[in-house]
Protein backbone atom coordinates (compact mmCIF):
# COMPACT_ATOMS: atom_id res chain seq x y z
CA MET A 1 -0.03 0.02 0.00
CA ASN A 2 1.48 3.32 -1.28
CA HIS A 3 1.50 6.42 0.79
CA LYS A 4 -1.14 7.75 -0.72
CA TRP A 5 -3.57 5.46 0.15
CA LYS A 6 -2.58 5.09 3.58
CA LYS A 7 -3.64 9.52 3.91
CA ILE A 8 -6.93 8.74 2.29
CA ILE A 9 -7.80 5.51 4.74
CA ILE A 10 -6.59 7.60 7.93
CA GLY A 11 -8.41 10.79 6.63
CA ALA A 12 -11.65 8.31 6.10
CA VAL A 13 -11.44 6.98 9.66
CA LEU A 14 -10.71 10.39 11.09
CA LEU A 15 -14.21 11.53 9.10
CA ILE A 16 -15.77 8.88 10.64
CA GLY A 17 -14.67 9.10 14.22
CA PHE A 18 -15.76 12.58 14.21
CA VAL A 19 -19.02 11.75 12.76
CA LEU A 20 -19.81 9.43 15.62
CA TYR A 21 -18.78 11.83 18.52
CA THR A 22 -20.72 14.62 17.28
CA GLN A 23 -24.16 11.83 17.07
CA PHE A 24 -22.45 10.96 20.92
CA GLU A 25 -22.35 14.63 21.82
CA LYS A 26 -25.93 14.73 20.62
CA SER A 27 -27.58 12.32 22.75
CA ALA A 28 -25.13 12.03 25.39
CA GLU A 29 -27.21 12.51 28.57
CA PRO A 30 -25.95 15.13 31.63
CA ALA A 31 -24.43 12.88 35.14
CA TRP A 32 -26.99 14.80 36.57
CA LYS A 33 -30.82 13.62 37.68
CA VAL A 34 -33.49 16.27 37.35
CA ASN A 35 -35.45 16.31 40.45
CA ASN A 36 -38.74 15.13 39.83
CA GLU A 37 -40.78 17.08 42.66
CA ASN A 38 -40.05 20.54 41.14
CA PHE A 39 -41.13 18.79 37.53
CA HIS A 40 -43.23 16.58 35.40
CA MET A 41 -41.17 13.89 34.20
CA VAL A 42 -42.13 11.28 31.15
CA SER A 43 -40.57 8.14 30.61
CA ASP A 44 -40.49 8.39 26.59
CA TRP A 45 -41.44 10.20 23.72
CA ASN A 46 -45.08 8.01 23.24
CA GLU A 47 -45.95 9.17 27.08
CA LEU A 48 -44.80 12.78 26.39
CA MET A 49 -47.80 12.71 22.84
CA ASP A 50 -50.33 11.22 25.13
CA MET A 51 -49.75 14.43 27.18
CA GLU A 52 -49.86 16.81 24.75
CA LYS A 53 -53.09 14.75 23.10
CA ILE A 54 -55.20 14.84 26.82
CA LYS A 55 -53.75 18.75 26.49
CA TYR A 56 -55.22 19.54 22.93
CA LYS A 57 -58.05 17.01 22.24
CA GLU A 58 -57.56 18.10 18.33
CA LEU A 59 -53.65 16.20 18.10
CA ARG A 60 -55.46 12.95 18.42
CA PHE A 61 -56.74 13.47 14.63
CA VAL A 62 -53.25 14.98 14.14
CA ASP A 63 -50.75 12.55 15.60
CA HIS A 64 -53.23 9.58 14.13
CA PHE A 65 -52.74 10.76 10.26
CA ASN A 66 -49.24 11.70 11.55
CA LEU A 67 -49.87 15.26 10.28
CA LEU A 68 -46.88 16.92 13.04
CA LYS A 69 -44.45 18.34 10.90
CA LYS A 70 -40.25 18.23 12.18
CA SER A 71 -38.73 21.15 12.70
CA GLN A 72 -35.00 22.02 12.41
CA ILE A 73 -35.62 25.51 13.92
CA SER A 74 -32.91 25.50 16.80
CA LEU A 75 -31.90 28.87 18.93
CA PRO A 76 -29.43 29.26 21.40
CA ILE A 77 -30.45 31.61 24.50
CA PRO A 78 -27.97 34.51 25.56
CA ASN A 79 -26.55 34.17 28.64
CA GLU A 80 -28.34 31.31 29.62
CA GLN A 81 -26.00 28.37 28.04
CA ARG A 82 -28.94 26.56 26.81
CA LYS A 83 -30.82 26.03 23.56
CA PHE A 84 -34.30 26.68 22.04
CA HIS A 85 -35.57 23.96 19.78
CA ILE A 86 -38.72 23.97 18.16
CA GLU A 87 -39.81 19.97 17.56
CA ASN A 88 -43.24 19.89 15.90
CA THR A 89 -45.60 21.41 14.12
CA TRP A 90 -49.20 21.82 12.76
CA SER A 91 -51.07 24.10 11.32
CA HIS A 92 -54.39 24.07 9.19
CA GLY A 93 -55.17 28.05 8.41
CA HIS A 94 -57.43 28.66 11.60
CA GLN A 95 -54.82 27.67 14.37
CA MET A 96 -51.23 26.66 14.58
CA TYR A 97 -49.39 24.45 17.45
CA ILE A 98 -45.83 24.64 18.24
CA LEU A 99 -44.22 22.04 20.31
CA TYR A 100 -40.73 23.22 21.91
CA SER A 101 -38.04 22.44 24.07
CA VAL A 102 -35.77 24.46 26.20
CA ASP A 103 -32.36 22.50 28.05
CA LEU A 104 -32.54 21.81 31.87
CA LEU A 105 -30.10 23.14 33.65
CA GLU A 106 -28.54 21.64 36.92
CA ARG A 107 -29.51 24.89 39.10
CA ASP A 108 -33.30 25.31 37.91
CA LYS A 109 -35.32 24.75 40.64
CA ASP A 110 -39.03 25.01 38.99
CA GLU A 111 -40.16 25.48 35.86
CA PHE A 112 -40.84 29.15 36.16
CA GLU A 113 -36.90 29.67 36.10
CA VAL A 114 -36.23 27.96 32.53
CA PRO A 115 -37.74 30.29 29.55
CA ARG A 116 -40.97 30.22 28.25
CA LEU A 117 -42.10 31.22 24.52
CA SER A 118 -44.33 33.67 23.93
CA VAL A 119 -45.84 34.68 20.57
CA GLU A 120 -47.94 37.86 19.70
CA ARG A 121 -48.73 38.50 15.95
CA ILE A 122 -48.64 36.17 12.78
CA LYS A 123 -48.18 36.98 9.42
CA LEU A 124 -50.05 34.57 6.87
CA THR A 125 -48.86 35.17 3.02
CA SER A 126 -51.34 34.17 0.50
CA LYS A 127 -50.62 31.58 -2.58
CA LYS A 128 -51.20 35.49 -4.96
CA GLY A 129 -48.31 36.75 -1.84
CA LYS A 130 -50.70 38.93 0.16
CA ASP A 131 -49.91 39.52 3.64
CA PHE A 132 -52.43 39.48 6.83
CA ASP A 133 -50.50 40.95 9.73
CA LEU A 134 -52.73 39.61 12.81
CA PRO A 135 -52.27 39.86 16.20
CA VAL A 136 -53.01 36.19 18.06
CA ASP A 137 -54.49 34.43 20.88
CA LEU A 138 -52.71 31.71 22.35
CA PHE A 139 -54.72 28.81 23.74
CA PRO A 140 -52.49 27.02 26.91
CA GLY A 141 -54.25 23.97 26.48
CA GLU A 142 -56.84 21.86 28.44
CA THR A 143 -54.50 20.37 31.33
CA SER A 144 -52.92 22.14 34.39
CA ASN A 145 -49.70 21.27 33.79
CA ASN A 146 -47.36 22.83 31.21
CA GLY A 147 -44.74 21.13 30.42
CA TRP A 148 -42.76 17.64 30.58
CA VAL A 149 -39.33 16.82 31.18
CA TYR A 150 -38.15 14.06 29.04
CA LYS A 151 -34.29 13.45 28.92
CA HIS A 152 -33.06 16.69 30.45
CA LYS A 153 -35.23 19.11 28.63
CA LEU A 154 -38.36 20.49 28.90
CA TYR A 155 -40.94 20.32 26.85
CA ARG A 156 -43.81 23.02 26.48
CA SER A 157 -46.12 23.91 23.66
CA ILE A 158 -48.78 26.45 22.33
CA MET A 159 -52.00 26.51 20.04
CA ILE A 160 -51.69 29.93 18.17
CA HIS A 161 -55.30 31.37 17.29
CA PRO A 162 -54.51 33.90 14.45
CA LEU A 163 -57.57 36.79 15.45
CA PHE A 164 -59.06 37.46 11.73
CA ASP A 165 -61.23 40.58 13.05
CA SER A 166 -59.78 42.60 10.12
CA LEU A 167 -60.99 40.57 7.95
CA GLN A 168 -62.96 42.97 5.03
CA ASN A 169 -64.73 40.06 2.74
CA GLN A 170 -65.38 36.60 1.30
CA GLU A 171 -61.74 37.57 -1.01
CA ASP A 172 -59.80 38.00 2.12
CA TRP A 173 -61.15 34.91 3.89
CA ASP A 174 -60.26 32.99 0.62
CA GLU A 175 -56.69 34.37 0.15
CA VAL A 176 -55.99 33.61 4.12
CA SER A 177 -57.00 30.36 3.40
CA SER A 178 -54.20 29.44 0.82
CA SER A 179 -51.63 31.22 2.80
CA GLU A 180 -48.24 28.77 2.07
CA ARG A 181 -46.15 31.10 4.85
CA TYR A 182 -46.74 31.78 8.46
CA GLU A 183 -44.10 34.19 10.32
CA LEU A 184 -44.54 34.09 13.64
CA SER A 185 -43.37 37.79 15.30
CA ASP A 186 -43.12 39.77 18.22
CA LEU A 187 -41.35 37.04 19.75
CA SER A 188 -40.02 36.65 23.14
CA LEU A 189 -38.46 33.85 25.59
CA SER A 190 -38.46 34.70 29.58
CA SER A 191 -38.16 33.08 32.85
CA LYS A 192 -38.27 35.22 36.25
CA LYS A 193 -34.55 35.83 35.72
CA ASN A 194 -34.13 36.59 31.86
CA PHE A 195 -36.09 38.42 29.11
CA THR A 196 -35.04 37.56 25.64
CA LYS A 197 -36.78 39.12 22.26
CA LEU A 198 -36.18 36.85 19.10
CA LYS A 199 -36.46 37.79 15.64
CA PRO A 200 -39.75 36.44 13.52
CA ILE A 201 -39.20 32.72 12.83
CA ALA A 202 -41.24 31.39 9.29
CA PHE A 203 -42.89 28.36 8.59
CA LYS A 204 -43.98 26.97 4.86
CA VAL A 205 -47.16 25.58 4.92
CA ASN A 206 -49.45 23.77 2.63
CA PRO A 207 -52.73 24.70 2.09
CA PRO A 208 -55.51 22.73 0.45
CA ASN A 209 -56.08 22.79 -3.43
CA ASN A 210 -59.32 22.84 -2.58
CA LEU A 211 -61.00 24.88 -0.48
CA LEU A 212 -64.31 23.19 -0.62
CA LYS A 213 -63.06 20.11 -0.55
CA PRO A 214 -59.34 19.56 0.72
CA GLU A 215 -57.21 16.33 -0.72
CA THR A 216 -58.55 12.70 1.60
CA ILE A 217 -55.53 11.11 3.65
CA ALA A 218 -57.15 8.31 4.50
CA SER A 219 -60.68 7.08 3.75
CA VAL A 220 -63.24 3.92 4.58
CA ASN A 221 -65.51 2.26 1.80
CA LEU A 222 -69.14 2.31 3.06
CA ASN A 223 -71.11 1.65 -0.31
CA GLN A 224 -74.95 2.22 1.87
CA THR A 225 -77.79 3.26 0.08
CA LEU A 226 -80.49 5.15 1.00
CA ASN A 227 -84.23 5.54 -0.44
CA ILE A 228 -85.70 8.56 -0.09
CA PRO A 229 -89.33 9.68 -1.93
CA LYS A 230 -89.56 10.59 -4.97
CA GLN A 231 -85.97 10.85 -5.35
CA VAL A 232 -83.17 9.12 -7.03
CA PRO A 233 -81.48 6.84 -4.37
CA LEU A 234 -78.60 8.50 -2.52
CA GLN A 235 -75.42 7.25 -1.97
CA LEU A 236 -73.05 7.00 0.89
CA LYS A 237 -69.79 6.04 -1.23
CA ASP A 238 -66.85 6.79 1.38
CA LEU A 239 -66.19 8.10 4.71
CA GLU A 240 -62.93 10.52 3.90
CA PHE A 241 -60.90 12.25 6.06
CA PHE A 242 -58.78 15.01 5.28
CA GLN A 243 -56.58 17.68 7.58
CA ILE A 244 -58.95 19.19 9.24
CA GLY A 245 -61.65 16.77 9.57
CA SER A 246 -64.04 14.05 7.83
CA ARG A 247 -67.13 13.79 5.60
CA ILE A 248 -69.16 11.01 3.52
CA SER A 249 -69.09 11.50 0.17
CA LEU A 250 -72.13 11.03 -1.65
CA SER A 251 -73.32 10.12 -5.08
CA THR A 252 -73.77 13.20 -7.58
CA HIS A 253 -77.29 13.05 -8.55
CA ILE A 254 -78.62 15.46 -5.20
CA ASP A 255 -82.29 16.62 -5.41
CA LYS A 256 -81.17 20.50 -5.06
CA ASP A 257 -83.89 20.61 -2.27
CA LEU A 258 -82.42 17.67 -0.11
CA VAL A 259 -80.83 20.11 2.56
CA SER A 260 -79.62 17.32 5.31
CA LEU A 261 -79.91 14.18 6.91
CA ALA A 262 -80.23 13.46 10.60
CA GLY A 263 -80.21 10.33 12.73
CA LYS A 264 -77.69 9.54 16.01
CA VAL A 265 -74.08 8.47 16.68
CA LYS A 266 -74.52 5.66 18.86
CA LYS A 267 -71.40 4.36 20.98
CA ASN A 268 -71.50 1.31 23.14
CA ASP A 269 -74.86 2.02 25.15
CA ILE A 270 -74.94 5.75 24.43
CA ASP A 271 -76.37 7.73 21.64
CA TYR A 272 -77.13 11.40 21.01
CA PRO A 273 -78.76 13.08 17.72
CA VAL A 274 -77.13 15.03 14.75
CA ASP A 275 -77.82 16.37 11.95
CA PHE A 276 -75.73 16.22 9.21
CA GLU A 277 -75.39 19.52 6.23
CA ILE A 278 -75.14 18.20 2.62
CA SER A 279 -72.50 20.57 0.99
CA GLY A 280 -70.66 20.77 -2.27
CA ASP A 281 -71.61 21.34 -6.25
CA HIS A 282 -71.45 19.05 -8.72
CA LEU A 283 -67.91 20.42 -9.64
CA SER A 284 -66.25 19.20 -6.28
CA GLY A 285 -68.75 16.73 -5.64
CA TYR A 286 -71.61 16.28 -2.62
CA PHE A 287 -70.33 15.17 0.94
CA LEU A 288 -71.41 15.65 4.74
CA GLN A 289 -69.48 16.94 6.86
CA MET A 290 -68.88 15.06 10.18
CA TYR A 291 -67.17 17.63 12.64
CA ALA A 292 -69.43 15.85 15.26
CA VAL A 293 -68.13 12.11 15.39
CA GLU A 294 -64.52 13.44 14.83
CA ASN A 295 -63.69 13.25 18.53
CA GLU A 296 -65.23 10.10 19.39
CA LEU A 297 -63.30 8.44 16.31
CA VAL A 298 -60.08 9.40 17.18
CA THR A 299 -60.80 8.03 20.95
CA GLN A 300 -62.81 4.90 20.28
CA GLU A 301 -61.09 1.99 22.05
CA LYS A 302 -60.93 -1.78 20.20
CA ALA A 303 -63.81 -2.63 22.11
CA ASP A 304 -66.01 0.09 21.17
CA SER A 305 -69.28 -0.29 19.15
CA LEU A 306 -69.79 3.06 17.25
CA GLU A 307 -71.88 3.50 14.41
CA LEU A 308 -74.55 6.51 12.92
CA VAL A 309 -77.37 5.78 12.34
CA LEU A 310 -79.27 7.78 9.81
CA THR A 311 -82.71 8.35 10.24
CA HIS A 312 -84.85 11.60 8.65
CA PHE A 313 -83.88 13.53 5.77
CA VAL A 314 -84.63 16.98 5.75
CA GLN A 315 -85.72 19.02 2.42
CA ARG A 316 -87.02 22.48 1.34
CA LYS A 317 -90.12 23.07 0.11
CA ARG A 318 -91.41 25.68 -2.10
CA ASP A 319 -94.10 27.52 -0.53
CA SER A 320 -93.95 30.33 1.38
CA TYR A 321 -96.25 32.08 4.18
CA THR A 322 -96.88 35.88 5.04
CA PHE A 323 -98.31 37.41 8.07
CA SER A 324 -98.66 41.10 8.93
CA VAL A 325 -97.01 43.24 11.54
CA SER A 326 -99.55 46.56 12.21
CA SER A 327 -97.45 50.11 12.63
CA SER A 328 -100.63 50.67 15.22
CA ASP A 329 -99.69 47.72 17.39
CA ILE A 330 -95.62 48.23 17.06
CA ASN A 331 -96.08 52.22 18.17
CA LYS A 332 -98.27 51.20 21.37
CA PHE A 333 -95.67 48.69 21.90
CA LEU A 334 -92.76 51.41 21.71
CA LEU A 335 -94.78 53.41 23.86
CA ASN A 336 -93.65 51.06 26.66
CA PRO A 337 -91.95 48.10 25.41
CA THR A 338 -91.73 46.78 28.79
CA LYS A 339 -94.82 45.31 28.16
CA ASP A 340 -95.13 42.82 25.38
CA ILE A 341 -97.64 42.77 22.86
CA GLU A 342 -98.74 39.43 22.64
CA LYS A 343 -100.04 37.38 19.61
CA ASN A 344 -100.99 33.76 18.67
CA GLU A 345 -101.46 33.82 15.40
CA ILE A 346 -100.55 30.27 13.96
CA ILE A 347 -98.47 31.23 10.36
CA ALA A 348 -97.88 27.25 9.27
CA ASN A 349 -99.45 24.26 10.58
CA GLU A 350 -97.79 21.20 9.11
CA ASN A 351 -97.10 17.64 9.54
CA SER A 352 -93.35 18.45 10.86
CA LEU A 353 -93.34 21.96 11.40
CA ASN A 354 -95.36 24.79 13.70
CA ILE A 355 -94.91 28.49 12.89
CA VAL A 356 -96.73 30.96 15.14
CA TYR A 357 -96.77 34.74 15.50
CA ARG A 358 -96.36 35.77 19.12
CA GLY A 359 -96.09 39.14 18.95
CA LEU A 360 -94.23 42.21 19.92
CA SER A 361 -91.11 41.55 22.75
CA MET A 362 -88.25 42.51 24.41
CA GLU A 363 -85.79 39.39 25.26
CA GLN A 364 -85.48 40.54 28.75
CA GLU A 365 -81.79 39.38 29.28
CA ASN A 366 -80.36 41.62 26.77
CA LYS A 367 -83.14 44.05 26.87
CA VAL A 368 -83.81 43.75 22.84
CA VAL A 369 -86.70 44.22 21.10
CA GLY A 370 -88.43 42.84 17.90
CA ILE A 371 -90.83 40.49 16.41
CA LYS A 372 -91.18 37.35 18.24
CA PHE A 373 -92.31 34.00 16.15
CA THR A 374 -91.70 30.37 17.36
CA LEU A 375 -90.79 27.87 14.86
CA ASP A 376 -90.86 24.38 16.04
CA ASP A 377 -90.60 20.70 14.54
CA ASN A 378 -93.98 18.35 15.95
CA GLN A 379 -90.78 15.52 15.78
CA GLU A 380 -89.49 14.27 19.66
CA GLY A 381 -86.22 13.54 19.66
CA ILE A 382 -84.94 15.45 16.12
CA GLU A 383 -82.22 18.07 16.50
CA ASP A 384 -83.70 21.40 15.15
CA HIS A 385 -80.50 22.70 13.42
CA TYR A 386 -82.01 22.58 10.28
CA LEU A 387 -84.93 24.77 11.51
CA TYR A 388 -82.79 27.85 12.58
CA PRO A 389 -84.34 30.92 10.54
CA GLN A 390 -81.80 33.21 8.01
CA PRO A 391 -82.25 36.90 6.46
CA TYR A 392 -83.48 36.61 3.35
CA TYR A 393 -81.03 39.16 2.10
CA HIS A 394 -77.99 37.16 3.61
CA PHE A 395 -77.68 34.91 0.38
CA GLY A 396 -75.99 36.61 -2.53
CA ASP A 397 -74.63 34.47 -5.58
CA GLU A 398 -71.60 32.55 -4.45
CA PRO A 399 -70.73 29.09 -5.47
CA GLY A 400 -72.38 26.41 -2.85
CA ASP A 401 -75.23 29.44 -1.26
CA GLU A 402 -77.58 27.57 -3.43
CA ARG A 403 -77.60 24.15 -1.32
CA HIS A 404 -77.41 26.66 2.25
CA VAL A 405 -80.62 28.53 1.56
CA ARG A 406 -83.18 27.35 3.98
CA ASN A 407 -85.89 28.43 6.22
CA LEU A 408 -85.45 32.61 4.53
CA VAL A 409 -87.25 35.44 6.67
CA SER A 410 -88.09 38.71 4.42
CA VAL A 411 -89.39 41.74 5.54
CA LYS A 412 -91.10 44.35 3.00
CA ASP A 413 -92.31 47.66 4.46
CA ASN A 414 -95.53 49.74 3.53
CA LYS A 415 -94.65 50.71 0.31
CA GLY A 416 -93.43 46.92 -0.45
CA MET A 417 -89.63 47.76 -0.18
CA GLU A 418 -87.08 44.84 1.07
CA LEU A 419 -85.97 45.51 4.17
CA LYS A 420 -81.83 44.44 4.71
CA ASN A 421 -81.27 46.08 8.10
CA PHE A 422 -82.42 43.38 10.24
CA ASP A 423 -81.21 40.19 11.68
CA ILE A 424 -82.52 37.13 13.78
CA MET A 425 -82.12 36.47 17.30
CA ASN A 426 -82.31 33.34 19.14
CA TYR A 427 -83.08 32.35 22.71
CA TYR A 428 -84.52 30.12 24.79
CA GLU A 429 -88.23 31.30 27.12
CA ASP A 430 -89.74 27.92 29.36
CA ASP A 431 -86.50 25.65 28.11
CA LYS A 432 -88.11 26.13 24.37
CA PRO A 433 -86.42 28.26 21.02
CA SER A 434 -87.91 31.65 20.53
CA PHE A 435 -86.70 34.14 17.99
CA LEU A 436 -87.05 37.71 17.34
CA ILE A 437 -86.38 39.64 13.92
CA VAL A 438 -84.28 42.69 15.62
CA PHE A 439 -83.80 46.04 13.39
CA HIS A 440 -80.32 47.56 13.40
CA ASP A 441 -82.26 51.16 13.82
CA GLY A 442 -84.88 50.12 15.99
CA LEU A 443 -88.07 49.21 14.90
CA PRO A 444 -89.92 50.60 12.06
CA LYS A 445 -93.03 52.40 13.07
CA GLU A 446 -95.08 51.29 9.79
CA ASN A 447 -96.57 48.39 8.46
CA LEU A 448 -94.50 45.54 7.82
CA THR A 449 -95.07 41.92 6.02
CA ILE A 450 -92.65 39.23 7.24
CA THR A 451 -92.46 36.16 5.01
CA PHE A 452 -91.27 33.01 5.53
CA SER A 453 -89.84 30.69 2.07
CA ASN A 454 -88.06 27.65 1.18
CA LEU A 455 -89.03 26.13 4.61
CA SER A 456 -87.28 22.79 5.57
CA HIS A 457 -89.46 19.78 6.85
CA ILE A 458 -88.19 16.45 8.15
CA GLU A 459 -89.35 13.11 7.54
CA PRO A 460 -88.77 9.87 8.21
CA LEU A 461 -86.52 7.87 6.09
CA GLN A 462 -88.28 4.63 4.16
CA LYS A 463 -85.80 2.64 5.80
CA GLN A 464 -82.76 3.45 8.36
CA VAL A 465 -79.13 3.09 7.84
CA VAL A 466 -77.05 1.85 9.91
CA VAL A 467 -73.10 3.45 9.08
CA PRO A 468 -70.11 1.82 11.07
CA LEU A 469 -67.80 4.27 12.01
CA LYS A 470 -64.15 3.14 12.03
CA LEU A 471 -60.93 4.89 11.97
CA PRO A 472 -58.60 4.04 8.87
CA ALA A 473 -54.75 4.07 9.36
CA PRO A 474 -53.28 6.49 7.03
CA LYS A 475 -51.85 6.10 3.90
CA ASN A 476 -48.23 5.24 4.53
CA GLN A 477 -49.15 3.21 7.34
CA LYS A 478 -50.52 -0.50 6.57
């Protein structure tokens, strides 16, 4: 072996030795022991994440589908002889989770001596490059413990909620939802001894390609059929999971006046009513959003029985109902608004719908006055979500609006002009839902005509459909 090859071999050995040494340095544990009376200790990473999932329930879903992203962001903390490291992140546009660690020192007596991260603002940058610089609200979680110690590091986490009060229109919302970059600013690390300002930290994120129907990350085939009178049979195709929720995909041929499916979720011996609105359009497809059952799906044990039982369908009908409110009643009421003008005028009384004009009234808790009515279904054990009345003028020509138009309330003045200065307030009186038509500028002092249209009726399915609910493995797991 010549001299040249000896040098190459010696150099390679030294390089390998240096790499092994640096890796040992990274994983080496200090010799001193952490006082477990002052810190909450965990034995391994799985236990740490189990504690995090108790702290933030949505992490059960996130962790199951491997949506957490590892981070390489690590910063030395000045005058502290330790490092701040962001371990994992997760985001979906309306919140951002950050799990970070800070090295423990032997002198640390409690968590207050270990620097804690604080964030005051977040800048969201959309696909088109538009920036939204927003204040944030930090949610600390649902447990009393602030952090967990694992291998001489204190792990803490925060859930960042951008405050969207400054968004002006739907265009802004669409831009925000397409954000590809998050930048945290007004950052600091503070302990009871030190305070350190940090430079902004940026993250690249992956927004959904389709806001109406985000990409599926896992699914379970259902292949169930619902028979609805005078309609093409409705197919329940797949239980699909996406980054921030789940849905049941439906067949493409859906009657435009079929608005939701109702029933109950049964978990072991407990059940509760649900109402699933039909969303989507003929381009993106139709589906039922399943927000009501996600927590049960991600927390179910192997022995649990979990199923969705669909029992009813909710459908719009094109009939409308009108009643009048006289100016004399309004003016009499305004002279003494603490005394109601009582009416009991039946507007509609059908098999699954009852509307009654109750008069002019003041809601006592908030001292709000308006035109009072009740709108009830006549069936026991059915949720009333689908009955909530909506002002007619709130709806425009946005894609998908048509599917959500139901139980509309319009108000016309004595000239037949449509009024657009009211909202509908829901409150409970004697444990029964009541509604007030509340005008932003006070009750008009003239004859008014109130019309209810696109009313929703609930009817039983010809045959109940039972859908077993099962959480699939992520695509990258077998």
